N, C-alpha and C. Protein backbone atom coordinates (compact mmCIF):
# COMPACT_ATOMS: atom_id res chain seq x y z
N MET A 1 -301.25 -39.98 179.60
CA MET A 1 -300.66 -38.91 178.83
C MET A 1 -301.06 -37.58 179.47
N THR A 2 -300.08 -36.76 179.72
CA THR A 2 -300.33 -35.47 180.34
C THR A 2 -300.30 -34.36 179.31
N GLU A 3 -300.85 -33.22 179.68
CA GLU A 3 -300.82 -32.08 178.77
C GLU A 3 -299.37 -31.66 178.49
N GLN A 4 -298.53 -31.71 179.50
CA GLN A 4 -297.12 -31.35 179.31
C GLN A 4 -296.43 -32.29 178.32
N LEU A 5 -296.72 -33.59 178.40
CA LEU A 5 -296.12 -34.55 177.48
C LEU A 5 -296.56 -34.26 176.04
N VAL A 6 -297.86 -33.99 175.85
CA VAL A 6 -298.35 -33.68 174.51
C VAL A 6 -297.68 -32.41 173.99
N GLN A 7 -297.54 -31.41 174.83
CA GLN A 7 -296.89 -30.15 174.39
C GLN A 7 -295.45 -30.38 174.02
N VAL A 8 -294.73 -31.15 174.80
CA VAL A 8 -293.31 -31.42 174.49
C VAL A 8 -293.19 -32.19 173.19
N VAL A 9 -294.00 -33.24 173.02
CA VAL A 9 -293.95 -34.05 171.80
C VAL A 9 -294.28 -33.21 170.58
N THR A 10 -295.35 -32.43 170.64
CA THR A 10 -295.74 -31.62 169.49
C THR A 10 -294.67 -30.56 169.17
N GLN A 11 -294.08 -30.00 170.21
CA GLN A 11 -293.03 -28.99 169.99
C GLN A 11 -291.81 -29.62 169.31
N ILE A 12 -291.36 -30.78 169.79
CA ILE A 12 -290.21 -31.46 169.17
C ILE A 12 -290.56 -31.87 167.74
N ALA A 13 -291.76 -32.42 167.56
CA ALA A 13 -292.18 -32.85 166.21
C ALA A 13 -292.20 -31.66 165.25
N LYS A 14 -292.68 -30.52 165.69
CA LYS A 14 -292.74 -29.33 164.84
C LYS A 14 -291.32 -28.91 164.46
N GLN A 15 -290.39 -28.93 165.42
CA GLN A 15 -289.00 -28.56 165.13
C GLN A 15 -288.36 -29.52 164.14
N GLN A 16 -288.73 -30.81 164.23
CA GLN A 16 -288.17 -31.85 163.36
C GLN A 16 -288.98 -32.04 162.08
N ARG A 17 -290.06 -31.26 161.94
CA ARG A 17 -290.97 -31.37 160.79
C ARG A 17 -291.52 -32.77 160.64
N LYS A 18 -292.02 -33.28 161.78
CA LYS A 18 -292.62 -34.64 161.83
C LYS A 18 -294.08 -34.48 162.23
N ALA A 19 -294.89 -35.38 161.77
CA ALA A 19 -296.31 -35.41 162.11
C ALA A 19 -296.54 -36.14 163.43
N VAL A 20 -297.54 -35.66 164.16
CA VAL A 20 -298.00 -36.35 165.38
C VAL A 20 -299.42 -36.76 165.14
N LEU A 21 -299.68 -38.08 165.13
CA LEU A 21 -301.00 -38.60 164.89
C LEU A 21 -301.54 -39.17 166.21
N LEU A 22 -302.81 -38.89 166.48
CA LEU A 22 -303.36 -39.23 167.78
C LEU A 22 -304.78 -39.78 167.66
N ASP A 23 -305.02 -40.90 168.33
CA ASP A 23 -306.38 -41.47 168.41
C ASP A 23 -306.93 -41.00 169.75
N PRO A 24 -307.90 -40.08 169.75
CA PRO A 24 -308.34 -39.46 171.01
C PRO A 24 -309.15 -40.40 171.90
N LYS A 25 -309.16 -40.07 173.14
CA LYS A 25 -309.98 -40.78 174.14
C LYS A 25 -310.96 -39.76 174.74
N ILE A 26 -312.17 -40.21 174.97
CA ILE A 26 -313.20 -39.37 175.54
C ILE A 26 -312.74 -38.80 176.87
N ASN A 27 -313.11 -37.58 177.15
CA ASN A 27 -312.78 -36.84 178.37
C ASN A 27 -311.31 -36.43 178.47
N ARG A 28 -310.55 -36.59 177.38
CA ARG A 28 -309.16 -36.13 177.36
C ARG A 28 -308.92 -35.14 176.22
N PHE A 29 -309.99 -34.64 175.63
CA PHE A 29 -309.87 -33.80 174.45
C PHE A 29 -309.04 -32.55 174.69
N HIS A 30 -309.04 -32.03 175.91
CA HIS A 30 -308.29 -30.81 176.19
C HIS A 30 -306.80 -31.00 176.02
N LEU A 31 -306.33 -32.23 175.95
CA LEU A 31 -304.89 -32.50 175.84
C LEU A 31 -304.36 -32.45 174.39
N TYR A 32 -305.26 -32.47 173.40
CA TYR A 32 -304.84 -32.82 172.06
C TYR A 32 -304.60 -31.63 171.14
N ARG A 33 -304.45 -30.43 171.65
CA ARG A 33 -304.18 -29.28 170.79
C ARG A 33 -302.82 -29.38 170.13
N ASP A 34 -302.76 -28.92 168.91
CA ASP A 34 -301.52 -28.78 168.14
C ASP A 34 -300.91 -30.08 167.63
N VAL A 35 -301.61 -31.22 167.75
CA VAL A 35 -301.12 -32.41 167.08
C VAL A 35 -301.40 -32.25 165.61
N THR A 36 -300.86 -33.12 164.77
CA THR A 36 -301.05 -32.99 163.33
C THR A 36 -302.37 -33.61 162.86
N VAL A 37 -302.62 -34.84 163.33
CA VAL A 37 -303.79 -35.60 162.90
C VAL A 37 -304.51 -36.16 164.14
N VAL A 38 -305.83 -36.04 164.14
CA VAL A 38 -306.68 -36.63 165.20
C VAL A 38 -307.68 -37.55 164.49
N THR A 39 -307.88 -38.78 165.04
CA THR A 39 -308.77 -39.74 164.38
C THR A 39 -309.92 -40.18 165.30
N PRO A 40 -310.87 -39.32 165.59
CA PRO A 40 -311.98 -39.72 166.43
C PRO A 40 -313.00 -40.58 165.68
N ASN A 41 -313.71 -41.44 166.42
CA ASN A 41 -314.85 -42.12 165.83
C ASN A 41 -316.06 -41.18 165.93
N ILE A 42 -317.18 -41.64 165.42
CA ILE A 42 -318.40 -40.80 165.42
C ILE A 42 -318.76 -40.30 166.85
N GLN A 43 -318.75 -41.22 167.80
CA GLN A 43 -319.11 -40.86 169.17
C GLN A 43 -318.14 -39.82 169.74
N GLU A 44 -316.84 -40.05 169.57
CA GLU A 44 -315.84 -39.10 170.07
C GLU A 44 -315.94 -37.76 169.37
N ALA A 45 -316.19 -37.75 168.06
CA ALA A 45 -316.32 -36.50 167.32
C ALA A 45 -317.54 -35.72 167.78
N THR A 46 -318.64 -36.42 168.03
CA THR A 46 -319.86 -35.78 168.52
C THR A 46 -319.61 -35.14 169.88
N LEU A 47 -318.99 -35.89 170.79
CA LEU A 47 -318.71 -35.38 172.13
C LEU A 47 -317.73 -34.20 172.10
N ALA A 48 -316.70 -34.31 171.30
CA ALA A 48 -315.69 -33.24 171.23
C ALA A 48 -316.21 -31.95 170.61
N SER A 49 -317.18 -32.08 169.71
CA SER A 49 -317.70 -30.91 169.04
C SER A 49 -318.99 -30.37 169.64
N GLY A 50 -319.70 -31.23 170.36
CA GLY A 50 -321.01 -30.84 170.88
C GLY A 50 -322.09 -30.84 169.82
N ILE A 51 -321.79 -31.42 168.66
CA ILE A 51 -322.74 -31.46 167.54
C ILE A 51 -323.00 -32.90 167.16
N GLU A 52 -324.27 -33.30 167.12
CA GLU A 52 -324.60 -34.66 166.70
C GLU A 52 -324.49 -34.77 165.18
N ILE A 53 -323.85 -35.83 164.72
CA ILE A 53 -323.69 -36.06 163.29
C ILE A 53 -324.90 -36.83 162.77
N VAL A 54 -325.71 -36.17 161.95
CA VAL A 54 -326.92 -36.80 161.46
C VAL A 54 -326.97 -36.84 159.93
N ASP A 55 -326.11 -36.03 159.27
CA ASP A 55 -326.07 -36.00 157.82
C ASP A 55 -324.71 -35.43 157.38
N GLU A 56 -324.54 -35.29 156.08
CA GLU A 56 -323.23 -34.78 155.60
C GLU A 56 -322.99 -33.34 155.99
N ARG A 57 -324.02 -32.54 156.12
CA ARG A 57 -323.85 -31.14 156.55
C ARG A 57 -323.31 -31.07 157.98
N SER A 58 -323.94 -31.83 158.88
CA SER A 58 -323.47 -31.82 160.26
C SER A 58 -322.09 -32.49 160.38
N LEU A 59 -321.83 -33.49 159.55
CA LEU A 59 -320.51 -34.11 159.54
C LEU A 59 -319.44 -33.08 159.18
N LYS A 60 -319.70 -32.27 158.16
CA LYS A 60 -318.75 -31.24 157.75
C LYS A 60 -318.57 -30.19 158.85
N GLU A 61 -319.69 -29.82 159.48
CA GLU A 61 -319.64 -28.85 160.56
C GLU A 61 -318.75 -29.38 161.72
N VAL A 62 -318.92 -30.66 162.02
CA VAL A 62 -318.09 -31.28 163.10
C VAL A 62 -316.63 -31.29 162.69
N GLY A 63 -316.35 -31.73 161.48
CA GLY A 63 -314.95 -31.77 161.01
C GLY A 63 -314.28 -30.43 161.07
N ASP A 64 -314.96 -29.39 160.58
CA ASP A 64 -314.41 -28.04 160.66
C ASP A 64 -314.22 -27.55 162.09
N LYS A 65 -315.17 -27.85 162.95
CA LYS A 65 -315.07 -27.41 164.36
C LYS A 65 -313.89 -28.12 165.03
N LEU A 66 -313.67 -29.40 164.73
CA LEU A 66 -312.57 -30.14 165.36
C LEU A 66 -311.20 -29.67 164.86
N LEU A 67 -311.12 -29.30 163.57
CA LEU A 67 -309.86 -28.73 163.06
C LEU A 67 -309.49 -27.52 163.89
N ASP A 68 -310.48 -26.68 164.21
CA ASP A 68 -310.21 -25.48 165.00
C ASP A 68 -309.98 -25.83 166.48
N ARG A 69 -310.80 -26.69 167.02
CA ARG A 69 -310.66 -27.04 168.44
C ARG A 69 -309.30 -27.62 168.75
N PHE A 70 -308.83 -28.53 167.92
CA PHE A 70 -307.55 -29.18 168.16
C PHE A 70 -306.38 -28.44 167.52
N ASN A 71 -306.68 -27.41 166.72
CA ASN A 71 -305.64 -26.66 166.02
C ASN A 71 -304.73 -27.64 165.29
N CYS A 72 -305.35 -28.57 164.59
CA CYS A 72 -304.59 -29.61 163.89
C CYS A 72 -304.70 -29.42 162.38
N GLN A 73 -303.92 -30.18 161.64
CA GLN A 73 -303.92 -30.12 160.18
C GLN A 73 -305.01 -31.02 159.60
N VAL A 74 -305.27 -32.16 160.29
CA VAL A 74 -306.17 -33.18 159.72
C VAL A 74 -307.04 -33.74 160.84
N VAL A 75 -308.33 -33.95 160.52
CA VAL A 75 -309.24 -34.72 161.34
C VAL A 75 -309.79 -35.84 160.46
N LEU A 76 -309.62 -37.07 160.89
CA LEU A 76 -310.15 -38.23 160.19
C LEU A 76 -311.21 -38.86 161.09
N ILE A 77 -312.47 -38.69 160.73
CA ILE A 77 -313.56 -39.26 161.52
C ILE A 77 -313.90 -40.64 160.97
N THR A 78 -313.73 -41.67 161.84
CA THR A 78 -314.10 -43.02 161.43
C THR A 78 -315.59 -43.21 161.69
N ARG A 79 -316.28 -43.74 160.69
CA ARG A 79 -317.74 -43.76 160.71
C ARG A 79 -318.33 -45.16 160.60
N GLY A 80 -317.60 -46.18 161.02
CA GLY A 80 -318.11 -47.54 160.98
C GLY A 80 -318.47 -47.95 159.55
N GLU A 81 -319.72 -48.43 159.42
CA GLU A 81 -320.17 -48.93 158.11
C GLU A 81 -320.27 -47.82 157.06
N ASN A 82 -320.17 -46.56 157.48
CA ASN A 82 -320.20 -45.43 156.55
C ASN A 82 -318.81 -44.97 156.13
N GLY A 83 -317.78 -45.73 156.49
CA GLY A 83 -316.43 -45.40 156.06
C GLY A 83 -315.78 -44.33 156.92
N MET A 84 -315.12 -43.39 156.27
CA MET A 84 -314.39 -42.35 156.99
C MET A 84 -314.60 -41.01 156.28
N ALA A 85 -314.37 -39.94 157.03
CA ALA A 85 -314.39 -38.60 156.46
C ALA A 85 -313.11 -37.90 156.85
N LEU A 86 -312.37 -37.42 155.85
CA LEU A 86 -311.09 -36.75 156.07
C LEU A 86 -311.26 -35.27 155.87
N PHE A 87 -310.92 -34.49 156.90
CA PHE A 87 -310.95 -33.04 156.85
C PHE A 87 -309.51 -32.56 156.96
N GLU A 88 -309.02 -31.96 155.92
CA GLU A 88 -307.67 -31.42 155.92
C GLU A 88 -307.74 -29.93 155.70
N ARG A 89 -307.08 -29.20 156.57
CA ARG A 89 -307.12 -27.75 156.53
C ARG A 89 -306.80 -27.25 155.12
N GLY A 90 -307.71 -26.40 154.58
CA GLY A 90 -307.48 -25.82 153.28
C GLY A 90 -307.83 -26.70 152.10
N LYS A 91 -308.40 -27.90 152.36
CA LYS A 91 -308.71 -28.79 151.24
C LYS A 91 -310.16 -29.26 151.35
N GLU A 92 -310.64 -29.84 150.25
CA GLU A 92 -312.00 -30.37 150.23
C GLU A 92 -312.09 -31.62 151.12
N THR A 93 -313.24 -31.84 151.70
CA THR A 93 -313.49 -33.04 152.48
C THR A 93 -313.44 -34.28 151.58
N ILE A 94 -312.81 -35.33 152.05
CA ILE A 94 -312.76 -36.59 151.33
C ILE A 94 -313.58 -37.61 152.12
N LEU A 95 -314.60 -38.16 151.44
CA LEU A 95 -315.37 -39.25 152.06
C LEU A 95 -314.83 -40.56 151.52
N VAL A 96 -314.40 -41.42 152.43
CA VAL A 96 -313.80 -42.69 152.07
C VAL A 96 -314.81 -43.78 152.41
N PRO A 97 -315.36 -44.47 151.37
CA PRO A 97 -316.38 -45.50 151.65
C PRO A 97 -315.75 -46.73 152.33
N THR A 98 -316.54 -47.44 153.10
CA THR A 98 -316.03 -48.63 153.79
C THR A 98 -315.60 -49.68 152.75
N THR A 99 -314.63 -50.47 153.13
CA THR A 99 -314.17 -51.58 152.27
C THR A 99 -314.47 -52.92 152.93
N ALA A 100 -315.03 -52.93 154.10
CA ALA A 100 -315.32 -54.19 154.80
C ALA A 100 -316.37 -54.96 154.05
N ARG A 101 -316.11 -56.25 153.86
CA ARG A 101 -317.09 -57.13 153.20
C ARG A 101 -318.06 -57.69 154.25
N GLU A 102 -317.49 -58.24 155.30
CA GLU A 102 -318.30 -58.77 156.41
C GLU A 102 -317.67 -58.26 157.70
N VAL A 103 -318.49 -57.90 158.65
CA VAL A 103 -317.98 -57.41 159.93
C VAL A 103 -318.28 -58.47 160.98
N PHE A 104 -317.19 -58.99 161.60
CA PHE A 104 -317.32 -59.94 162.69
C PHE A 104 -317.01 -59.33 164.02
N ASP A 105 -316.05 -58.40 164.06
CA ASP A 105 -315.59 -57.84 165.34
C ASP A 105 -314.85 -56.52 165.07
N VAL A 106 -315.32 -55.45 165.69
CA VAL A 106 -314.68 -54.15 165.46
C VAL A 106 -313.54 -53.86 166.46
N THR A 107 -313.23 -54.83 167.30
CA THR A 107 -312.15 -54.66 168.27
C THR A 107 -310.86 -54.31 167.54
N GLY A 108 -310.27 -53.21 167.93
CA GLY A 108 -308.96 -52.83 167.37
C GLY A 108 -309.01 -52.08 166.06
N ALA A 109 -310.21 -51.84 165.53
CA ALA A 109 -310.31 -51.15 164.23
C ALA A 109 -309.70 -49.75 164.31
N GLY A 110 -310.01 -49.03 165.38
CA GLY A 110 -309.46 -47.67 165.54
C GLY A 110 -307.94 -47.67 165.68
N ASP A 111 -307.44 -48.67 166.42
CA ASP A 111 -305.98 -48.80 166.56
C ASP A 111 -305.33 -49.10 165.23
N THR A 112 -306.01 -49.92 164.42
CA THR A 112 -305.49 -50.23 163.09
C THR A 112 -305.46 -48.97 162.24
N VAL A 113 -306.52 -48.19 162.27
CA VAL A 113 -306.57 -46.95 161.49
C VAL A 113 -305.42 -46.02 161.84
N ILE A 114 -305.23 -45.75 163.10
CA ILE A 114 -304.17 -44.79 163.49
C ILE A 114 -302.78 -45.37 163.19
N GLY A 115 -302.59 -46.66 163.43
CA GLY A 115 -301.30 -47.27 163.15
C GLY A 115 -300.92 -47.29 161.68
N VAL A 116 -301.86 -47.71 160.85
CA VAL A 116 -301.60 -47.77 159.42
C VAL A 116 -301.50 -46.36 158.80
N MET A 117 -302.33 -45.44 159.29
CA MET A 117 -302.24 -44.09 158.79
C MET A 117 -300.87 -43.49 159.12
N ALA A 118 -300.41 -43.68 160.35
CA ALA A 118 -299.09 -43.19 160.75
C ALA A 118 -297.98 -43.79 159.89
N LEU A 119 -298.06 -45.08 159.66
CA LEU A 119 -297.05 -45.76 158.85
C LEU A 119 -297.07 -45.22 157.43
N ALA A 120 -298.26 -45.03 156.87
CA ALA A 120 -298.38 -44.53 155.48
C ALA A 120 -297.82 -43.12 155.38
N VAL A 121 -298.17 -42.25 156.35
CA VAL A 121 -297.66 -40.87 156.33
C VAL A 121 -296.13 -40.89 156.48
N ALA A 122 -295.62 -41.70 157.35
CA ALA A 122 -294.15 -41.80 157.54
C ALA A 122 -293.47 -42.28 156.27
N ALA A 123 -294.17 -43.09 155.49
CA ALA A 123 -293.61 -43.61 154.22
C ALA A 123 -293.75 -42.62 153.07
N GLY A 124 -294.44 -41.48 153.33
CA GLY A 124 -294.54 -40.46 152.29
C GLY A 124 -295.90 -40.28 151.65
N ALA A 125 -296.90 -41.03 152.13
CA ALA A 125 -298.24 -40.89 151.57
C ALA A 125 -298.87 -39.54 151.99
N SER A 126 -299.73 -39.02 151.14
CA SER A 126 -300.49 -37.83 151.55
C SER A 126 -301.49 -38.30 152.58
N TYR A 127 -302.13 -37.34 153.27
CA TYR A 127 -303.11 -37.71 154.29
C TYR A 127 -304.30 -38.41 153.65
N GLY A 128 -304.69 -38.00 152.46
CA GLY A 128 -305.80 -38.67 151.75
C GLY A 128 -305.42 -40.10 151.39
N GLU A 129 -304.22 -40.29 150.84
CA GLU A 129 -303.77 -41.66 150.53
C GLU A 129 -303.67 -42.51 151.76
N ALA A 130 -303.15 -41.94 152.83
CA ALA A 130 -303.01 -42.66 154.10
C ALA A 130 -304.36 -43.08 154.65
N ALA A 131 -305.35 -42.22 154.53
CA ALA A 131 -306.70 -42.55 155.00
C ALA A 131 -307.29 -43.72 154.22
N VAL A 132 -307.09 -43.72 152.92
CA VAL A 132 -307.61 -44.82 152.08
C VAL A 132 -306.90 -46.14 152.47
N ILE A 133 -305.61 -46.11 152.62
CA ILE A 133 -304.88 -47.32 153.01
C ILE A 133 -305.33 -47.80 154.39
N ALA A 134 -305.48 -46.88 155.32
CA ALA A 134 -305.94 -47.23 156.67
C ALA A 134 -307.35 -47.82 156.63
N ASN A 135 -308.17 -47.32 155.73
CA ASN A 135 -309.53 -47.81 155.57
C ASN A 135 -309.52 -49.28 155.08
N TYR A 136 -308.66 -49.57 154.16
CA TYR A 136 -308.52 -50.98 153.69
C TYR A 136 -308.09 -51.87 154.85
N ALA A 137 -307.12 -51.40 155.62
CA ALA A 137 -306.62 -52.21 156.76
C ALA A 137 -307.72 -52.44 157.78
N ALA A 138 -308.48 -51.41 158.08
CA ALA A 138 -309.58 -51.55 159.02
C ALA A 138 -310.63 -52.53 158.50
N GLY A 139 -310.88 -52.47 157.20
CA GLY A 139 -311.84 -53.39 156.59
C GLY A 139 -311.41 -54.84 156.73
N ILE A 140 -310.12 -55.08 156.76
CA ILE A 140 -309.59 -56.43 156.96
C ILE A 140 -309.77 -56.87 158.40
N VAL A 141 -309.39 -56.03 159.37
CA VAL A 141 -309.44 -56.47 160.78
C VAL A 141 -310.85 -56.69 161.26
N VAL A 142 -311.81 -55.91 160.80
CA VAL A 142 -313.21 -56.12 161.27
C VAL A 142 -313.79 -57.41 160.69
N GLY A 143 -313.14 -57.96 159.67
CA GLY A 143 -313.56 -59.22 159.09
C GLY A 143 -312.97 -60.44 159.81
N LYS A 144 -312.25 -60.18 160.89
CA LYS A 144 -311.66 -61.25 161.70
C LYS A 144 -312.27 -61.22 163.09
N VAL A 145 -312.25 -62.33 163.78
CA VAL A 145 -312.79 -62.39 165.13
C VAL A 145 -311.68 -62.07 166.14
N GLY A 146 -312.01 -61.19 167.10
CA GLY A 146 -311.05 -60.82 168.13
C GLY A 146 -310.09 -59.76 167.67
N THR A 147 -309.13 -59.45 168.54
CA THR A 147 -308.13 -58.47 168.19
C THR A 147 -307.27 -59.07 167.10
N ALA A 148 -307.18 -58.38 165.97
CA ALA A 148 -306.53 -58.95 164.81
C ALA A 148 -305.45 -58.02 164.24
N THR A 149 -304.63 -58.57 163.39
CA THR A 149 -303.61 -57.81 162.71
C THR A 149 -303.84 -57.93 161.21
N VAL A 150 -303.13 -57.08 160.48
CA VAL A 150 -303.18 -57.09 159.01
C VAL A 150 -301.79 -57.34 158.50
N THR A 151 -301.62 -58.29 157.61
CA THR A 151 -300.33 -58.55 157.02
C THR A 151 -300.14 -57.67 155.78
N PRO A 152 -298.93 -57.41 155.41
CA PRO A 152 -298.71 -56.63 154.17
C PRO A 152 -299.37 -57.32 152.97
N GLU A 153 -299.34 -58.62 152.92
CA GLU A 153 -299.95 -59.35 151.81
C GLU A 153 -301.46 -59.16 151.78
N GLU A 154 -302.10 -59.22 152.95
CA GLU A 154 -303.56 -58.99 153.02
C GLU A 154 -303.91 -57.58 152.54
N LEU A 155 -303.13 -56.62 152.94
CA LEU A 155 -303.39 -55.24 152.58
C LEU A 155 -303.22 -55.04 151.07
N LYS A 156 -302.13 -55.58 150.52
CA LYS A 156 -301.93 -55.48 149.07
C LYS A 156 -303.06 -56.13 148.30
N GLU A 157 -303.48 -57.31 148.74
CA GLU A 157 -304.57 -58.04 148.08
C GLU A 157 -305.87 -57.24 148.11
N ALA A 158 -306.19 -56.66 149.29
CA ALA A 158 -307.41 -55.87 149.40
C ALA A 158 -307.39 -54.65 148.48
N ILE A 159 -306.26 -53.97 148.43
CA ILE A 159 -306.16 -52.79 147.56
C ILE A 159 -306.26 -53.19 146.11
N ASN A 160 -305.56 -54.24 145.72
CA ASN A 160 -305.59 -54.68 144.32
C ASN A 160 -306.95 -55.20 143.91
N ARG A 161 -307.69 -55.83 144.81
CA ARG A 161 -309.01 -56.38 144.53
C ARG A 161 -309.99 -55.26 144.22
N ASN A 162 -309.77 -54.09 144.77
CA ASN A 162 -310.71 -52.97 144.59
C ASN A 162 -310.25 -51.94 143.58
N ARG A 163 -309.27 -52.22 142.81
CA ARG A 163 -308.81 -51.28 141.79
C ARG A 163 -309.72 -51.29 140.59
C-alpha cells in the first residue's frame, strides 16, 4: 500500500461519505493519515505513539495521541486479554472487556476485529456497537486452533449468551 493509494482511497471515501477502516502495520504508520478508523494492537499503539501503555491513564494518552497523529475519527486499541479501548473524537473512551472464554490461538484475531468492525459499520452500527460486536467475534476465533472464521450463528450465540 502506498501513500498515494491511501490518499486516493480516503479522498474518494470522504466524497462518498464512506468510512475507511485500517488495521495498521508497524513501520507504515506514516501512510495512515485521514482514514476513519485505525485498529492497532498494544504493541503497534505503543510504537506509533512513543508512549508505553502501563495503565488506563497512559492508555488514554496513547488513544488521544493516535487520534491526532492519524487525523482519524476512531482509534480502537486491541488489548488481548484486557479487551479493547475505543477512542472516538469528541466522545468518552469506551473500554470493552474481553469475551474470550479460553484462548487457544490468537492467529487472525486482529483481522477478525477489522473485518467484523467494518461489516458492522457498513450495516449501520455505531463505532461503539461495532467494537463490541468485533470483540465478540475475536473472542470466538481465539478459542479455535489455527486461522479460524466466525459464523453468523456463532456470533449470535455469543452475543445472546452474554446478555
